[in-house]
Each structure stands twice: as C-alpha cells, then as structure tokens.
C-alpha cells in the first residue's frame, strides 16, 4: 500500500476518497479516529490518510488527486448532451451526469 493523500480536513479526505473509489481504485482510510490523541503524538500524525491498496493503481490515483486539487482557473467544459457549462473539476456533467466528452471553453 502507498499513501496517496492526507489533510487535516476530513471533508477533503472524504471527497478524494469518493473520487478514487468512483474510478474503481480501492483505498483504505487510516487515522480516522486518531484526532483525540493530539498532544500525545504530533498533530500531523493525527490527520486522516488515504492509502491505495494496489500499488499498480497508485499512478492513476495520484493523477486523480492532482486533478482534483488543480487551481480553480482551469478550463471549464460544455456538455454535449445538455449544453450545461461544467467546471474542469467535474468528471461528469453536474446537470445530466453524462460523460465529459464536451467542448472545452476558453
């Protein structure tokens, strides 16, 4: 197993976990309930961590994390199915949930 992501914010960790699992990447969440140990152990060691189970999935998982954390100024795209404008971070159209084979907007 390899650690792919950690953050002090459980919401961010949960979001990344959902993105990875949606792509069929098996992950394990560690340190989920360790926050009560702050003061006894270093604060960074209490942050929730996501670990990729299969090492062969790690490069793809790392790429998904990087895309999810990319700057907000990334190019949006327009859905071919319904015409809705979507932020670059969306893998599927938020309106109709169709594949992002849309047109990049610049």
N, C-alpha and C. Protein backbone atom coordinates (compact mmCIF):
# COMPACT_ATOMS: atom_id res chain seq x y z
N UNK A 1 0.85 -1.18 0.00
CA UNK A 1 0.00 0.00 0.00
C UNK A 1 0.89 1.24 0.00
N UNK A 2 0.34 2.31 -0.64
CA UNK A 2 1.06 3.59 -0.68
C UNK A 2 0.10 4.72 -0.32
N UNK A 3 0.60 5.65 0.48
CA UNK A 3 -0.22 6.81 0.87
C UNK A 3 -0.33 7.75 -0.32
N UNK A 4 -1.57 8.12 -0.67
CA UNK A 4 -1.80 8.99 -1.80
C UNK A 4 -2.26 10.39 -1.39
N UNK A 5 -2.85 10.51 -0.18
CA UNK A 5 -3.35 11.83 0.22
C UNK A 5 -3.57 11.88 1.72
N UNK A 6 -3.32 13.06 2.29
CA UNK A 6 -3.63 13.34 3.68
C UNK A 6 -3.97 14.82 3.81
N UNK A 7 -4.81 15.14 4.77
CA UNK A 7 -5.19 16.52 5.03
C UNK A 7 -5.76 16.59 6.43
N UNK A 8 -5.65 17.75 7.05
CA UNK A 8 -6.26 17.93 8.36
C UNK A 8 -7.79 18.01 8.24
N UNK A 9 -8.29 18.29 7.05
CA UNK A 9 -9.71 18.46 6.81
C UNK A 9 -10.34 17.13 6.36
N UNK A 10 -11.18 16.57 7.21
CA UNK A 10 -11.83 15.28 6.90
C UNK A 10 -12.70 15.35 5.65
N UNK A 11 -13.30 16.52 5.41
CA UNK A 11 -14.14 16.70 4.22
C UNK A 11 -13.31 16.49 2.96
N UNK A 12 -12.12 17.08 2.90
CA UNK A 12 -11.26 16.92 1.72
C UNK A 12 -10.87 15.47 1.52
N UNK A 13 -10.51 14.82 2.61
CA UNK A 13 -10.11 13.41 2.53
C UNK A 13 -11.27 12.56 2.04
N UNK A 14 -12.46 12.83 2.55
CA UNK A 14 -13.64 12.09 2.12
C UNK A 14 -13.96 12.32 0.66
N UNK A 15 -13.79 13.56 0.20
CA UNK A 15 -14.05 13.89 -1.20
C UNK A 15 -13.07 13.15 -2.12
N UNK A 16 -11.80 13.17 -1.77
CA UNK A 16 -10.78 12.46 -2.57
C UNK A 16 -11.07 10.97 -2.54
N UNK A 17 -11.46 10.46 -1.41
CA UNK A 17 -11.80 9.03 -1.30
C UNK A 17 -12.92 8.67 -2.27
N UNK A 18 -13.97 9.50 -2.29
CA UNK A 18 -15.09 9.26 -3.20
C UNK A 18 -14.66 9.30 -4.66
N UNK A 19 -13.79 10.25 -5.01
CA UNK A 19 -13.31 10.35 -6.39
C UNK A 19 -12.53 9.10 -6.79
N UNK A 20 -11.66 8.63 -5.91
CA UNK A 20 -10.85 7.46 -6.21
C UNK A 20 -11.71 6.20 -6.32
N UNK A 21 -12.62 6.02 -5.38
CA UNK A 21 -13.48 4.84 -5.40
C UNK A 21 -14.41 4.85 -6.61
N UNK A 22 -14.83 6.03 -7.06
CA UNK A 22 -15.68 6.13 -8.25
C UNK A 22 -14.93 5.66 -9.50
N UNK A 23 -13.61 5.74 -9.45
CA UNK A 23 -12.79 5.29 -10.57
C UNK A 23 -12.33 3.84 -10.39
N UNK A 24 -12.87 3.17 -9.40
CA UNK A 24 -12.54 1.76 -9.18
C UNK A 24 -11.23 1.52 -8.46
N UNK A 25 -10.71 2.54 -7.81
CA UNK A 25 -9.44 2.41 -7.07
C UNK A 25 -9.77 2.14 -5.61
N UNK A 26 -9.29 1.00 -5.12
CA UNK A 26 -9.54 0.61 -3.74
C UNK A 26 -8.59 1.37 -2.81
N UNK A 27 -9.16 2.04 -1.82
CA UNK A 27 -8.36 2.80 -0.86
C UNK A 27 -8.73 2.40 0.56
N UNK A 28 -7.81 2.68 1.47
CA UNK A 28 -8.02 2.44 2.89
C UNK A 28 -7.85 3.78 3.59
N UNK A 29 -8.77 4.10 4.48
CA UNK A 29 -8.69 5.32 5.28
C UNK A 29 -8.05 4.99 6.61
N UNK A 30 -6.96 5.67 6.90
CA UNK A 30 -6.26 5.47 8.19
C UNK A 30 -6.35 6.75 9.01
N UNK A 31 -6.18 6.59 10.32
CA UNK A 31 -6.20 7.71 11.28
C UNK A 31 -7.56 8.39 11.35
N UNK A 32 -8.60 7.67 11.04
CA UNK A 32 -9.93 8.27 11.03
C UNK A 32 -10.36 8.77 12.41
N UNK A 33 -9.94 8.07 13.47
CA UNK A 33 -10.38 8.43 14.82
C UNK A 33 -9.21 8.75 15.75
N UNK A 34 -8.12 9.26 15.20
CA UNK A 34 -6.93 9.49 16.00
C UNK A 34 -6.84 10.94 16.50
N UNK A 35 -7.75 11.80 16.07
CA UNK A 35 -7.65 13.21 16.44
C UNK A 35 -7.64 13.45 17.95
N UNK A 36 -8.21 12.55 18.70
CA UNK A 36 -8.22 12.72 20.16
C UNK A 36 -6.84 12.55 20.78
N UNK A 37 -5.88 12.05 20.01
CA UNK A 37 -4.53 11.84 20.52
C UNK A 37 -3.63 13.06 20.32
N UNK A 38 -4.18 14.16 19.78
CA UNK A 38 -3.39 15.38 19.60
C UNK A 38 -2.84 15.80 20.95
N UNK A 39 -1.57 16.09 20.98
CA UNK A 39 -0.89 16.42 22.23
C UNK A 39 -0.05 15.27 22.71
N UNK A 40 -0.54 14.06 22.49
CA UNK A 40 0.23 12.86 22.84
C UNK A 40 1.16 12.47 21.69
N UNK A 41 0.71 12.72 20.48
CA UNK A 41 1.52 12.45 19.29
C UNK A 41 1.49 13.71 18.42
N UNK A 42 2.46 13.86 17.50
CA UNK A 42 2.49 15.06 16.65
C UNK A 42 1.18 15.24 15.88
N UNK A 43 0.76 16.49 15.72
CA UNK A 43 -0.52 16.80 15.09
C UNK A 43 -0.62 16.23 13.67
N UNK A 44 0.47 16.25 12.89
CA UNK A 44 0.43 15.74 11.52
C UNK A 44 0.18 14.24 11.49
N UNK A 45 0.55 13.55 12.55
CA UNK A 45 0.32 12.11 12.61
C UNK A 45 -1.13 11.76 12.93
N UNK A 46 -1.94 12.78 13.22
CA UNK A 46 -3.35 12.53 13.52
C UNK A 46 -4.26 12.81 12.32
N UNK A 47 -3.70 13.35 11.25
CA UNK A 47 -4.51 13.66 10.08
C UNK A 47 -4.99 12.37 9.41
N UNK A 48 -6.22 12.34 8.90
CA UNK A 48 -6.69 11.17 8.16
C UNK A 48 -5.87 10.99 6.88
N UNK A 49 -5.60 9.76 6.53
CA UNK A 49 -4.77 9.44 5.37
C UNK A 49 -5.50 8.46 4.46
N UNK A 50 -5.30 8.63 3.15
CA UNK A 50 -5.82 7.68 2.18
C UNK A 50 -4.64 6.90 1.60
N UNK A 51 -4.77 5.59 1.63
CA UNK A 51 -3.75 4.69 1.11
C UNK A 51 -4.36 3.86 -0.02
N UNK A 52 -3.64 3.78 -1.14
CA UNK A 52 -4.07 2.96 -2.27
C UNK A 52 -3.65 1.52 -1.97
N UNK A 53 -4.60 0.59 -2.09
CA UNK A 53 -4.35 -0.81 -1.76
C UNK A 53 -3.44 -1.47 -2.78
N UNK A 54 -3.75 -1.33 -4.06
CA UNK A 54 -2.95 -1.97 -5.12
C UNK A 54 -1.95 -0.97 -5.67
N UNK A 55 -0.68 -1.30 -5.55
CA UNK A 55 0.37 -0.38 -5.97
C UNK A 55 0.26 0.00 -7.44
N UNK A 56 -0.26 -0.90 -8.26
CA UNK A 56 -0.40 -0.59 -9.69
C UNK A 56 -1.42 0.53 -9.93
N UNK A 57 -2.32 0.77 -8.99
CA UNK A 57 -3.31 1.84 -9.11
C UNK A 57 -2.77 3.19 -8.65
N UNK A 58 -1.60 3.19 -8.02
CA UNK A 58 -1.08 4.43 -7.43
C UNK A 58 -0.88 5.55 -8.44
N UNK A 59 -0.23 5.33 -9.61
CA UNK A 59 -0.03 6.44 -10.54
C UNK A 59 -1.35 7.09 -10.99
N UNK A 60 -2.35 6.27 -11.26
CA UNK A 60 -3.66 6.81 -11.67
C UNK A 60 -4.31 7.55 -10.51
N UNK A 61 -4.19 7.03 -9.31
CA UNK A 61 -4.75 7.68 -8.12
C UNK A 61 -4.07 9.04 -7.90
N UNK A 62 -2.79 9.07 -8.06
CA UNK A 62 -2.04 10.31 -7.89
C UNK A 62 -2.49 11.36 -8.90
N UNK A 63 -2.74 10.93 -10.13
CA UNK A 63 -3.21 11.83 -11.17
C UNK A 63 -4.61 12.38 -10.84
N UNK A 64 -5.48 11.53 -10.34
CA UNK A 64 -6.83 11.96 -9.96
C UNK A 64 -6.77 12.99 -8.83
N UNK A 65 -5.89 12.75 -7.85
CA UNK A 65 -5.73 13.70 -6.74
C UNK A 65 -5.22 15.03 -7.26
N UNK A 66 -4.23 15.00 -8.15
CA UNK A 66 -3.68 16.24 -8.70
C UNK A 66 -4.74 17.02 -9.47
N UNK A 67 -5.56 16.32 -10.24
CA UNK A 67 -6.64 16.99 -10.98
C UNK A 67 -7.65 17.61 -10.02
N UNK A 68 -7.98 16.88 -8.97
CA UNK A 68 -8.96 17.37 -8.01
C UNK A 68 -8.45 18.61 -7.27
N UNK A 69 -7.15 18.70 -7.11
CA UNK A 69 -6.57 19.83 -6.38
C UNK A 69 -6.06 20.93 -7.30
N UNK A 70 -6.34 20.81 -8.59
CA UNK A 70 -5.84 21.79 -9.56
C UNK A 70 -6.49 23.15 -9.30
N UNK A 71 -5.83 24.20 -9.73
CA UNK A 71 -6.35 25.55 -9.49
C UNK A 71 -7.74 25.75 -10.08
N UNK A 72 -8.49 26.62 -9.45
CA UNK A 72 -9.87 26.88 -9.88
C UNK A 72 -9.93 27.52 -11.26
N UNK A 73 -8.82 28.06 -11.74
CA UNK A 73 -8.80 28.73 -13.03
C UNK A 73 -8.69 27.78 -14.21
N UNK A 74 -8.75 26.49 -13.98
CA UNK A 74 -8.66 25.52 -15.07
C UNK A 74 -9.86 25.68 -16.01
N UNK A 75 -9.68 25.23 -17.25
CA UNK A 75 -10.70 25.44 -18.27
C UNK A 75 -11.99 24.64 -18.00
N UNK A 76 -13.14 25.30 -18.02
CA UNK A 76 -14.40 24.58 -17.91
C UNK A 76 -14.74 23.91 -19.24
N UNK A 77 -15.75 23.08 -19.24
CA UNK A 77 -16.19 22.41 -20.47
C UNK A 77 -17.70 22.42 -20.56
N UNK A 78 -18.21 22.33 -21.80
CA UNK A 78 -19.66 22.34 -22.04
C UNK A 78 -20.11 20.94 -22.42
N UNK A 79 -21.16 20.46 -21.77
CA UNK A 79 -21.69 19.13 -22.00
C UNK A 79 -22.31 19.03 -23.40
N UNK A 80 -21.95 17.98 -24.13
CA UNK A 80 -22.51 17.77 -25.47
C UNK A 80 -23.99 17.39 -25.40
N UNK A 81 -24.38 16.74 -24.32
CA UNK A 81 -25.75 16.22 -24.20
C UNK A 81 -26.76 17.32 -23.86
N UNK A 82 -26.45 18.10 -22.79
CA UNK A 82 -27.45 19.08 -22.34
C UNK A 82 -27.00 20.53 -22.50
N UNK A 83 -25.73 20.74 -22.86
CA UNK A 83 -25.23 22.09 -23.08
C UNK A 83 -24.82 22.83 -21.82
N UNK A 84 -24.87 22.18 -20.67
CA UNK A 84 -24.52 22.82 -19.40
C UNK A 84 -23.02 23.07 -19.31
N UNK A 85 -22.63 24.22 -18.77
CA UNK A 85 -21.22 24.52 -18.55
C UNK A 85 -20.80 23.89 -17.22
N UNK A 86 -19.66 23.18 -17.25
CA UNK A 86 -19.16 22.47 -16.07
C UNK A 86 -17.74 22.91 -15.76
N UNK A 87 -17.42 22.99 -14.50
CA UNK A 87 -16.07 23.29 -14.07
C UNK A 87 -15.16 22.12 -14.43
N UNK A 88 -13.88 22.40 -14.62
CA UNK A 88 -12.91 21.38 -15.01
C UNK A 88 -12.85 20.25 -14.00
N UNK A 89 -13.14 20.53 -12.75
CA UNK A 89 -13.04 19.51 -11.70
C UNK A 89 -14.09 18.42 -11.84
N UNK A 90 -15.19 18.71 -12.55
CA UNK A 90 -16.25 17.72 -12.71
C UNK A 90 -15.87 16.69 -13.76
N UNK A 91 -15.98 15.41 -13.37
CA UNK A 91 -15.69 14.34 -14.31
C UNK A 91 -16.91 14.01 -15.15
N UNK A 92 -18.09 14.34 -14.65
CA UNK A 92 -19.34 14.14 -15.36
C UNK A 92 -20.14 15.42 -15.25
N UNK A 93 -21.04 15.62 -16.19
CA UNK A 93 -21.89 16.81 -16.17
C UNK A 93 -22.71 16.82 -14.88
N UNK A 94 -22.69 17.93 -14.17
CA UNK A 94 -23.42 18.01 -12.91
C UNK A 94 -24.93 18.05 -13.16
N UNK A 95 -25.34 18.49 -14.34
CA UNK A 95 -26.75 18.60 -14.67
C UNK A 95 -27.38 17.27 -15.08
N UNK A 96 -26.71 16.56 -16.03
CA UNK A 96 -27.32 15.33 -16.57
C UNK A 96 -26.48 14.08 -16.32
N UNK A 97 -25.34 14.22 -15.66
CA UNK A 97 -24.44 13.11 -15.31
C UNK A 97 -23.88 12.37 -16.52
N UNK A 98 -23.82 13.01 -17.68
CA UNK A 98 -23.27 12.36 -18.85
C UNK A 98 -21.75 12.49 -18.88
N UNK A 99 -21.13 11.70 -19.71
CA UNK A 99 -19.68 11.66 -19.90
C UNK A 99 -19.17 13.03 -20.34
N UNK A 100 -17.94 13.41 -19.94
CA UNK A 100 -17.45 14.76 -20.26
C UNK A 100 -16.90 14.92 -21.66
N UNK A 101 -17.37 14.21 -22.64
CA UNK A 101 -16.86 14.36 -23.99
C UNK A 101 -17.25 15.70 -24.58
N UNK A 102 -17.27 16.70 -23.75
CA UNK A 102 -17.74 18.03 -24.15
C UNK A 102 -16.67 18.90 -24.76
N UNK A 103 -17.04 20.10 -25.01
CA UNK A 103 -16.18 21.08 -25.65
C UNK A 103 -15.53 21.92 -24.56
N UNK A 104 -14.20 22.08 -24.64
CA UNK A 104 -13.51 22.94 -23.68
C UNK A 104 -13.84 24.39 -23.97
N UNK A 105 -14.10 25.15 -22.95
CA UNK A 105 -14.38 26.57 -23.08
C UNK A 105 -13.14 27.35 -22.70
N UNK A 106 -12.80 28.35 -23.46
CA UNK A 106 -11.63 29.17 -23.12
C UNK A 106 -11.98 30.62 -23.10
